[in-house]
Amino acid sequence: MKNLLLAATLLLPSPLFAAPATEVNAHDHTCNEIVQIIRQNKTVFVRVGIGGRSFRYPPAKCKLGDKRGTTSLRDAAGRQCILDYACVYDPESFYNFR
């Protein structure tokens, strides 16, 4: 029974341990400001146009079904930012099977 509880705790994501993501509009900040916001808040959803991307810092803390990757976006000045700690959808993950 103890092993079953331990396995369930490790395999199932718990909303109690998850921090709420801070939402940031990429067109309102520069690249450096976006990086600082991600480092300070640890979990950030950066809105880019209609959709957006999730970032977690440090990158090892992506959710189940996500993988660490790089992503690019445009900031308030129109410059392209390349961020290397994005958590992106992983189609090969066991958690994303259909």
Protein backbone atom coordinates (compact mmCIF):
# COMPACT_ATOMS: atom_id res chain seq x y z
CA MET A 1 0.00 0.00 0.00
CA LYS A 2 2.84 2.35 0.89
CA ASN A 3 4.52 1.68 -2.47
CA LEU A 4 1.26 2.34 -4.31
CA LEU A 5 0.86 5.72 -2.64
CA LEU A 6 4.46 6.63 -3.40
CA ALA A 7 4.05 5.65 -7.06
CA ALA A 8 0.81 7.62 -7.38
CA THR A 9 2.45 10.67 -5.82
CA LEU A 10 5.38 10.53 -8.22
CA LEU A 11 3.40 9.80 -11.38
CA LEU A 12 0.39 12.06 -11.00
CA PRO A 13 0.92 15.81 -11.21
CA SER A 14 -0.49 17.57 -8.20
CA PRO A 15 -2.07 21.03 -8.49
CA LEU A 16 -1.16 21.60 -4.87
CA PHE A 17 2.54 21.64 -5.73
CA ALA A 18 2.19 23.57 -8.99
CA ALA A 19 2.68 27.30 -8.83
CA PRO A 20 0.24 29.41 -10.84
CA ALA A 21 1.77 30.78 -14.02
CA THR A 22 2.27 34.53 -14.36
CA GLU A 23 0.91 35.80 -17.68
CA VAL A 24 3.07 38.26 -19.62
CA ASN A 25 2.39 39.95 -22.95
CA ALA A 26 5.57 39.71 -25.07
CA HIS A 27 4.73 42.90 -26.96
CA ASP A 28 4.83 44.94 -23.72
CA HIS A 29 8.39 44.00 -22.66
CA THR A 30 11.93 43.81 -24.04
CA CYS A 31 13.83 40.53 -24.31
CA ASN A 32 15.84 41.26 -21.15
CA GLU A 33 12.71 42.09 -19.17
CA ILE A 34 11.04 38.84 -20.29
CA VAL A 35 14.09 36.85 -19.18
CA GLN A 36 14.09 38.58 -15.77
CA ILE A 37 10.35 37.97 -15.31
CA ILE A 38 10.80 34.26 -16.07
CA ARG A 39 13.72 33.96 -13.63
CA GLN A 40 11.88 35.79 -10.86
CA ASN A 41 8.48 34.11 -11.19
CA LYS A 42 9.76 30.61 -12.13
CA THR A 43 6.55 29.79 -14.10
CA VAL A 44 5.45 32.19 -16.82
CA PHE A 45 3.01 32.05 -19.73
CA VAL A 46 4.18 34.51 -22.39
CA ARG A 47 1.35 35.66 -24.61
CA VAL A 48 2.44 35.97 -28.25
CA GLY A 49 -0.35 37.14 -30.53
CA ILE A 50 -3.39 34.88 -30.21
CA GLY A 51 -1.57 32.01 -28.51
CA GLY A 52 1.42 31.83 -26.24
CA ARG A 53 4.20 29.72 -24.80
CA SER A 54 4.95 28.38 -21.34
CA PHE A 55 8.34 28.90 -19.73
CA ARG A 56 9.70 27.39 -16.55
CA TYR A 57 12.93 28.29 -14.85
CA PRO A 58 15.03 26.28 -14.24
CA PRO A 59 14.28 24.27 -17.37
CA ALA A 60 14.39 20.89 -15.64
CA LYS A 61 10.94 21.59 -14.12
CA CYS A 62 8.75 21.15 -17.20
CA LYS A 63 5.38 19.44 -16.71
CA LEU A 64 4.68 15.85 -17.71
CA GLY A 65 4.12 15.64 -21.45
CA ASP A 66 6.39 18.62 -22.14
CA LYS A 67 10.05 18.75 -23.03
CA ARG A 68 12.70 21.41 -22.80
CA GLY A 69 13.27 23.30 -26.01
CA THR A 70 14.13 26.66 -27.48
CA THR A 71 11.65 29.13 -28.84
CA SER A 72 11.77 32.52 -30.49
CA LEU A 73 9.42 35.46 -30.17
CA ARG A 74 9.35 39.19 -30.90
CA ASP A 75 9.54 41.72 -28.08
CA ALA A 76 8.15 45.26 -27.73
CA ALA A 77 10.93 46.71 -29.89
CA GLY A 78 10.35 44.13 -32.63
CA ARG A 79 13.61 42.33 -31.89
CA GLN A 80 13.65 38.55 -31.99
CA CYS A 81 14.30 36.83 -28.65
CA ILE A 82 15.54 33.26 -28.52
CA LEU A 83 14.80 31.70 -25.15
CA ASP A 84 16.24 28.30 -24.28
CA TYR A 85 14.10 27.28 -21.33
CA ALA A 86 10.76 26.82 -22.99
CA CYS A 87 8.58 23.88 -22.07
CA VAL A 88 7.08 22.70 -25.34
CA TYR A 89 4.64 19.92 -26.22
CA ASP A 90 6.41 16.57 -26.64
CA PRO A 91 4.54 14.37 -29.13
CA GLU A 92 6.74 11.37 -28.22
CA SER A 93 5.90 11.53 -24.51
CA PHE A 94 3.99 8.64 -22.96
CA TYR A 95 1.64 11.19 -21.36
CA ASN A 96 0.51 12.55 -24.75
CA PHE A 97 -0.64 9.34 -26.41
CA ARG A 98 -4.09 9.14 -27.99
